[in-house]
């Protein structure tokens, strides 16, 4: 089992910044990808960014240049630095970890963190 505990988030004005953290514990896959998803009211969950154990990153076009994903492998923690926030970034953000070697291993999810950007 893997446990993911999220922190950060909250209410910020447009143009502001927030940082989300997601700490993993338990049987964390050695080679993995850690993802940040978000889900806005009435919308499907969407992938925001990911980072693999070696450090390969991906960003959705909507956040490219504004968000930065990083990880501390020793602490088994992934971060999402969100700058220049817009009202459309308002959503519940979820972290996720996926094993890159064992395809049949389940994904694990954090509890979700509300991010609200006021215009």
N, C-alpha and C. Protein backbone atom coordinates (compact mmCIF):
# COMPACT_ATOMS: atom_id res chain seq x y z
N UNK A 1 0.83 -1.20 0.00
CA UNK A 1 0.00 0.00 0.00
C UNK A 1 0.87 1.25 0.00
N UNK A 2 0.33 2.26 -0.63
CA UNK A 2 1.01 3.56 -0.68
C UNK A 2 0.03 4.60 -0.15
N UNK A 3 0.53 5.47 0.68
CA UNK A 3 -0.27 6.58 1.17
C UNK A 3 0.30 7.89 0.63
N UNK A 4 -0.60 8.74 0.16
CA UNK A 4 -0.22 10.06 -0.34
C UNK A 4 -0.95 11.11 0.48
N UNK A 5 -0.19 12.02 1.08
CA UNK A 5 -0.77 13.07 1.89
C UNK A 5 -0.42 14.42 1.28
N UNK A 6 -1.46 15.15 0.91
CA UNK A 6 -1.28 16.44 0.26
C UNK A 6 -1.33 17.58 1.26
N UNK A 7 -0.64 18.65 0.93
CA UNK A 7 -0.71 19.88 1.72
C UNK A 7 -0.55 21.06 0.78
N UNK A 8 -0.89 22.23 1.30
CA UNK A 8 -0.85 23.43 0.49
C UNK A 8 -2.24 23.75 -0.04
N UNK A 9 -2.30 24.60 -1.01
CA UNK A 9 -3.58 25.00 -1.58
C UNK A 9 -4.22 26.12 -0.77
N UNK A 10 -5.46 26.45 -1.14
CA UNK A 10 -6.18 27.50 -0.44
C UNK A 10 -6.72 28.54 -1.40
N UNK A 11 -6.91 29.74 -0.88
CA UNK A 11 -7.50 30.83 -1.65
C UNK A 11 -6.43 31.87 -1.96
N UNK A 12 -6.37 32.30 -3.22
CA UNK A 12 -5.38 33.27 -3.64
C UNK A 12 -6.00 34.16 -4.71
N UNK A 13 -5.51 35.37 -4.80
CA UNK A 13 -5.99 36.27 -5.85
C UNK A 13 -5.32 35.93 -7.18
N UNK A 14 -5.98 36.27 -8.24
CA UNK A 14 -5.41 36.06 -9.57
C UNK A 14 -4.06 36.76 -9.66
N UNK A 15 -3.11 36.04 -10.26
CA UNK A 15 -1.74 36.54 -10.35
C UNK A 15 -0.85 36.07 -9.23
N UNK A 16 -1.45 35.50 -8.21
CA UNK A 16 -0.70 35.03 -7.06
C UNK A 16 -0.10 33.65 -7.27
N UNK A 17 0.50 33.14 -6.19
CA UNK A 17 1.19 31.86 -6.25
C UNK A 17 0.77 30.97 -5.09
N UNK A 18 0.86 29.68 -5.34
CA UNK A 18 0.65 28.67 -4.31
C UNK A 18 1.58 27.51 -4.59
N UNK A 19 1.90 26.77 -3.56
CA UNK A 19 2.68 25.54 -3.74
C UNK A 19 1.95 24.39 -3.08
N UNK A 20 1.81 23.33 -3.85
CA UNK A 20 1.22 22.09 -3.35
C UNK A 20 2.33 21.08 -3.10
N UNK A 21 2.13 20.29 -2.07
CA UNK A 21 3.07 19.20 -1.76
C UNK A 21 2.30 17.90 -1.64
N UNK A 22 2.97 16.83 -1.93
CA UNK A 22 2.36 15.50 -1.83
C UNK A 22 3.45 14.54 -1.35
N UNK A 23 3.30 14.06 -0.13
CA UNK A 23 4.28 13.17 0.46
C UNK A 23 3.79 11.73 0.41
N UNK A 24 4.64 10.87 -0.12
CA UNK A 24 4.29 9.45 -0.25
C UNK A 24 4.96 8.64 0.85
N UNK A 25 4.27 7.62 1.27
CA UNK A 25 4.84 6.69 2.25
C UNK A 25 4.32 5.30 1.96
N UNK A 26 4.94 4.31 2.60
CA UNK A 26 4.54 2.92 2.35
C UNK A 26 5.39 2.32 1.24
N UNK A 27 4.81 1.40 0.51
CA UNK A 27 5.52 0.67 -0.54
C UNK A 27 5.53 1.47 -1.84
N UNK A 28 6.22 2.59 -1.83
CA UNK A 28 6.27 3.45 -3.01
C UNK A 28 7.11 2.78 -4.10
N UNK A 29 6.59 2.68 -5.30
CA UNK A 29 7.37 2.07 -6.39
C UNK A 29 8.70 2.78 -6.59
N UNK A 30 9.74 2.00 -6.81
CA UNK A 30 11.08 2.58 -6.94
C UNK A 30 11.17 3.48 -8.17
N UNK A 31 10.66 2.97 -9.29
CA UNK A 31 10.63 3.75 -10.53
C UNK A 31 9.16 4.11 -10.78
N UNK A 32 8.89 5.37 -10.71
CA UNK A 32 7.49 5.77 -10.79
C UNK A 32 7.33 7.10 -11.50
N UNK A 33 6.10 7.42 -11.75
CA UNK A 33 5.75 8.76 -12.21
C UNK A 33 4.77 9.33 -11.19
N UNK A 34 5.03 10.57 -10.81
CA UNK A 34 4.13 11.26 -9.89
C UNK A 34 3.42 12.36 -10.66
N UNK A 35 2.12 12.34 -10.56
CA UNK A 35 1.27 13.21 -11.36
C UNK A 35 0.48 14.17 -10.48
N UNK A 36 0.18 15.29 -11.06
CA UNK A 36 -0.81 16.20 -10.48
C UNK A 36 -1.98 16.29 -11.47
N UNK A 37 -3.16 16.00 -10.96
CA UNK A 37 -4.39 16.16 -11.72
C UNK A 37 -5.22 17.26 -11.04
N UNK A 38 -6.20 17.74 -11.78
CA UNK A 38 -7.15 18.67 -11.17
C UNK A 38 -8.54 18.41 -11.75
N UNK A 39 -9.51 18.76 -10.94
CA UNK A 39 -10.89 18.61 -11.38
C UNK A 39 -11.68 19.84 -10.94
N UNK A 40 -12.18 20.56 -11.93
CA UNK A 40 -13.01 21.73 -11.67
C UNK A 40 -14.47 21.28 -11.63
N UNK A 41 -15.33 22.05 -10.98
CA UNK A 41 -16.74 21.69 -10.89
C UNK A 41 -17.35 21.48 -12.27
N UNK A 42 -18.01 20.33 -12.44
CA UNK A 42 -18.68 20.04 -13.70
C UNK A 42 -17.75 19.62 -14.82
N UNK A 43 -16.48 19.44 -14.52
CA UNK A 43 -15.52 19.05 -15.57
C UNK A 43 -14.85 17.73 -15.20
N UNK A 44 -14.27 17.11 -16.20
CA UNK A 44 -13.54 15.88 -15.97
C UNK A 44 -12.18 16.18 -15.35
N UNK A 45 -11.68 15.18 -14.65
CA UNK A 45 -10.34 15.30 -14.09
C UNK A 45 -9.34 15.38 -15.23
N UNK A 46 -8.38 16.30 -15.13
CA UNK A 46 -7.39 16.46 -16.19
C UNK A 46 -5.98 16.42 -15.61
N UNK A 47 -5.06 15.93 -16.42
CA UNK A 47 -3.67 15.87 -16.02
C UNK A 47 -3.06 17.26 -16.15
N UNK A 48 -2.43 17.71 -15.10
CA UNK A 48 -1.79 19.02 -15.08
C UNK A 48 -0.30 18.90 -15.39
N UNK A 49 0.36 17.99 -14.71
CA UNK A 49 1.81 17.82 -14.89
C UNK A 49 2.22 16.48 -14.32
N UNK A 50 3.37 15.98 -14.80
CA UNK A 50 3.94 14.80 -14.18
C UNK A 50 5.45 14.88 -14.18
N UNK A 51 6.04 14.07 -13.32
CA UNK A 51 7.50 13.98 -13.24
C UNK A 51 7.85 12.53 -12.91
N UNK A 52 8.79 11.99 -13.65
CA UNK A 52 9.22 10.63 -13.42
C UNK A 52 10.38 10.59 -12.42
N UNK A 53 10.70 9.42 -11.97
CA UNK A 53 11.81 9.26 -11.02
C UNK A 53 13.10 9.87 -11.56
N UNK A 54 13.46 9.62 -12.83
CA UNK A 54 14.69 10.25 -13.35
C UNK A 54 14.56 11.76 -13.55
N UNK A 55 13.33 12.28 -13.57
CA UNK A 55 13.17 13.72 -13.70
C UNK A 55 12.54 14.22 -14.98
N UNK A 56 12.04 13.32 -15.81
CA UNK A 56 11.33 13.77 -17.01
C UNK A 56 10.02 14.42 -16.61
N UNK A 57 9.73 15.57 -17.22
CA UNK A 57 8.53 16.31 -16.86
C UNK A 57 7.61 16.52 -18.06
N UNK A 58 6.36 16.76 -17.72
CA UNK A 58 5.34 17.08 -18.72
C UNK A 58 4.43 18.12 -18.10
N UNK A 59 3.95 19.03 -18.94
CA UNK A 59 2.97 20.03 -18.49
C UNK A 59 1.84 20.13 -19.52
N UNK A 60 0.64 20.28 -19.03
CA UNK A 60 -0.47 20.60 -19.90
C UNK A 60 -0.25 21.99 -20.48
N UNK A 61 -0.73 22.20 -21.69
CA UNK A 61 -0.53 23.49 -22.34
C UNK A 61 -1.08 24.64 -21.50
N UNK A 62 -2.16 24.37 -20.79
CA UNK A 62 -2.82 25.43 -20.03
C UNK A 62 -1.98 25.96 -18.86
N UNK A 63 -0.97 25.20 -18.44
CA UNK A 63 -0.17 25.62 -17.28
C UNK A 63 1.29 25.81 -17.63
N UNK A 64 1.64 25.49 -18.85
CA UNK A 64 3.05 25.58 -19.26
C UNK A 64 3.56 27.01 -19.08
N UNK A 65 4.72 27.13 -18.46
CA UNK A 65 5.30 28.45 -18.23
C UNK A 65 4.87 29.09 -16.93
N UNK A 66 3.84 28.54 -16.29
CA UNK A 66 3.33 29.10 -15.04
C UNK A 66 3.53 28.13 -13.86
N UNK A 67 3.41 26.85 -14.11
CA UNK A 67 3.54 25.83 -13.07
C UNK A 67 4.87 25.10 -13.23
N UNK A 68 5.42 24.69 -12.10
CA UNK A 68 6.64 23.90 -12.10
C UNK A 68 6.47 22.71 -11.17
N UNK A 69 6.71 21.53 -11.72
CA UNK A 69 6.65 20.32 -10.91
C UNK A 69 8.07 19.91 -10.54
N UNK A 70 8.25 19.44 -9.33
CA UNK A 70 9.56 18.98 -8.89
C UNK A 70 9.35 17.86 -7.88
N UNK A 71 10.42 17.17 -7.58
CA UNK A 71 10.31 16.08 -6.61
C UNK A 71 11.60 15.95 -5.83
N UNK A 72 11.46 15.44 -4.64
CA UNK A 72 12.59 15.09 -3.79
C UNK A 72 12.49 13.59 -3.56
N UNK A 73 13.30 12.83 -4.27
CA UNK A 73 13.19 11.38 -4.19
C UNK A 73 13.53 10.85 -2.79
N UNK A 74 14.45 11.51 -2.11
CA UNK A 74 14.80 11.06 -0.76
C UNK A 74 13.62 11.22 0.19
N UNK A 75 12.85 12.28 0.00
CA UNK A 75 11.68 12.52 0.85
C UNK A 75 10.40 11.93 0.26
N UNK A 76 10.50 11.35 -0.94
CA UNK A 76 9.33 10.77 -1.61
C UNK A 76 8.20 11.80 -1.69
N UNK A 77 8.56 12.98 -2.07
CA UNK A 77 7.61 14.09 -2.11
C UNK A 77 7.66 14.76 -3.48
N UNK A 78 6.48 15.12 -3.96
CA UNK A 78 6.37 15.86 -5.21
C UNK A 78 5.73 17.21 -4.89
N UNK A 79 6.16 18.21 -5.64
CA UNK A 79 5.69 19.57 -5.41
C UNK A 79 5.11 20.13 -6.71
N UNK A 80 4.19 21.05 -6.56
CA UNK A 80 3.68 21.79 -7.71
C UNK A 80 3.68 23.26 -7.34
N UNK A 81 4.60 24.00 -7.92
CA UNK A 81 4.66 25.44 -7.72
C UNK A 81 3.80 26.09 -8.78
N UNK A 82 2.82 26.83 -8.33
CA UNK A 82 1.86 27.45 -9.25
C UNK A 82 1.99 28.96 -9.16
N UNK A 83 2.41 29.56 -10.25
CA UNK A 83 2.58 31.01 -10.32
C UNK A 83 1.60 31.60 -11.32
N UNK A 84 1.41 32.89 -11.26
CA UNK A 84 0.53 33.60 -12.19
C UNK A 84 -0.82 32.91 -12.29
N UNK A 85 -1.38 32.60 -11.15
CA UNK A 85 -2.62 31.83 -11.13
C UNK A 85 -3.77 32.61 -11.75
N UNK A 86 -4.64 31.86 -12.41
CA UNK A 86 -5.82 32.42 -13.08
C UNK A 86 -7.07 31.80 -12.47
N UNK A 87 -8.19 32.46 -12.69
CA UNK A 87 -9.45 31.93 -12.14
C UNK A 87 -9.73 30.53 -12.69
N UNK A 88 -9.32 30.28 -13.91
CA UNK A 88 -9.57 28.95 -14.49
C UNK A 88 -8.70 27.85 -13.90
N UNK A 89 -7.76 28.21 -13.03
CA UNK A 89 -6.99 27.20 -12.30
C UNK A 89 -7.74 26.70 -11.07
N UNK A 90 -8.86 27.31 -10.76
CA UNK A 90 -9.65 26.88 -9.62
C UNK A 90 -10.14 25.46 -9.81
N UNK A 91 -9.80 24.60 -8.86
CA UNK A 91 -10.14 23.19 -8.97
C UNK A 91 -9.68 22.48 -7.70
N UNK A 92 -10.08 21.24 -7.58
CA UNK A 92 -9.48 20.35 -6.58
C UNK A 92 -8.31 19.66 -7.25
N UNK A 93 -7.16 19.73 -6.61
CA UNK A 93 -5.94 19.15 -7.16
C UNK A 93 -5.62 17.84 -6.44
N UNK A 94 -5.27 16.83 -7.22
CA UNK A 94 -4.97 15.51 -6.70
C UNK A 94 -3.58 15.08 -7.14
N UNK A 95 -2.81 14.52 -6.23
CA UNK A 95 -1.57 13.89 -6.65
C UNK A 95 -1.82 12.39 -6.83
N UNK A 96 -0.96 11.80 -7.60
CA UNK A 96 -1.13 10.40 -7.99
C UNK A 96 0.26 9.82 -8.22
N UNK A 97 0.45 8.58 -7.85
CA UNK A 97 1.71 7.90 -8.15
C UNK A 97 1.41 6.61 -8.89
N UNK A 98 2.19 6.37 -9.90
CA UNK A 98 2.00 5.20 -10.76
C UNK A 98 3.33 4.50 -10.96
N UNK A 99 3.30 3.18 -10.82
CA UNK A 99 4.49 2.36 -11.02
C UNK A 99 4.81 2.30 -12.51
N UNK A 100 6.02 2.59 -12.88
CA UNK A 100 6.41 2.56 -14.29
C UNK A 100 6.91 1.18 -14.74
N UNK A 101 7.14 0.29 -13.80
CA UNK A 101 7.67 -1.03 -14.16
C UNK A 101 6.59 -2.11 -14.12
N UNK A 102 5.65 -1.99 -13.23
CA UNK A 102 4.61 -3.00 -13.06
C UNK A 102 3.27 -2.40 -13.49
N UNK A 103 2.88 -2.73 -14.72
CA UNK A 103 1.68 -2.12 -15.29
C UNK A 103 0.41 -2.51 -14.55
N UNK A 104 0.43 -3.69 -13.90
CA UNK A 104 -0.79 -4.13 -13.24
C UNK A 104 -0.90 -3.66 -11.79
N UNK A 105 0.05 -2.85 -11.36
CA UNK A 105 -0.04 -2.31 -10.01
C UNK A 105 -0.99 -1.13 -10.02
N UNK A 106 -1.85 -1.02 -9.02
CA UNK A 106 -2.83 0.08 -9.04
C UNK A 106 -2.18 1.44 -8.82
N UNK A 107 -2.86 2.46 -9.29
CA UNK A 107 -2.47 3.83 -8.97
C UNK A 107 -2.88 4.14 -7.53
N UNK A 108 -2.21 5.12 -6.98
CA UNK A 108 -2.57 5.61 -5.65
C UNK A 108 -2.81 7.11 -5.74
N UNK A 109 -3.78 7.58 -4.93
CA UNK A 109 -4.21 8.97 -5.02
C UNK A 109 -4.14 9.65 -3.67
N UNK A 110 -3.84 10.95 -3.72
CA UNK A 110 -3.94 11.77 -2.53
C UNK A 110 -5.39 12.14 -2.26
N UNK A 111 -5.59 12.86 -1.16
CA UNK A 111 -6.95 13.15 -0.71
C UNK A 111 -7.59 14.33 -1.43
N UNK A 112 -6.80 15.08 -2.18
CA UNK A 112 -7.33 16.23 -2.88
C UNK A 112 -7.16 17.51 -2.06
N UNK A 113 -6.86 18.58 -2.77
CA UNK A 113 -6.66 19.89 -2.14
C UNK A 113 -7.36 20.95 -2.97
N UNK A 114 -8.16 21.77 -2.32
CA UNK A 114 -8.89 22.81 -3.04
C UNK A 114 -7.96 24.00 -3.30
N UNK A 115 -7.95 24.43 -4.55
CA UNK A 115 -7.27 25.67 -4.94
C UNK A 115 -8.34 26.59 -5.53
N UNK A 116 -8.48 27.76 -4.94
CA UNK A 116 -9.46 28.73 -5.42
C UNK A 116 -8.74 30.02 -5.76
N UNK A 117 -8.92 30.47 -7.00
CA UNK A 117 -8.30 31.70 -7.47
C UNK A 117 -9.39 32.73 -7.70
N UNK A 118 -9.33 33.81 -6.97
CA UNK A 118 -10.36 34.85 -7.11
C UNK A 118 -9.88 35.91 -8.10
N UNK A 119 -10.81 36.37 -8.91
CA UNK A 119 -10.46 37.36 -9.93
C UNK A 119 -10.74 38.78 -9.44
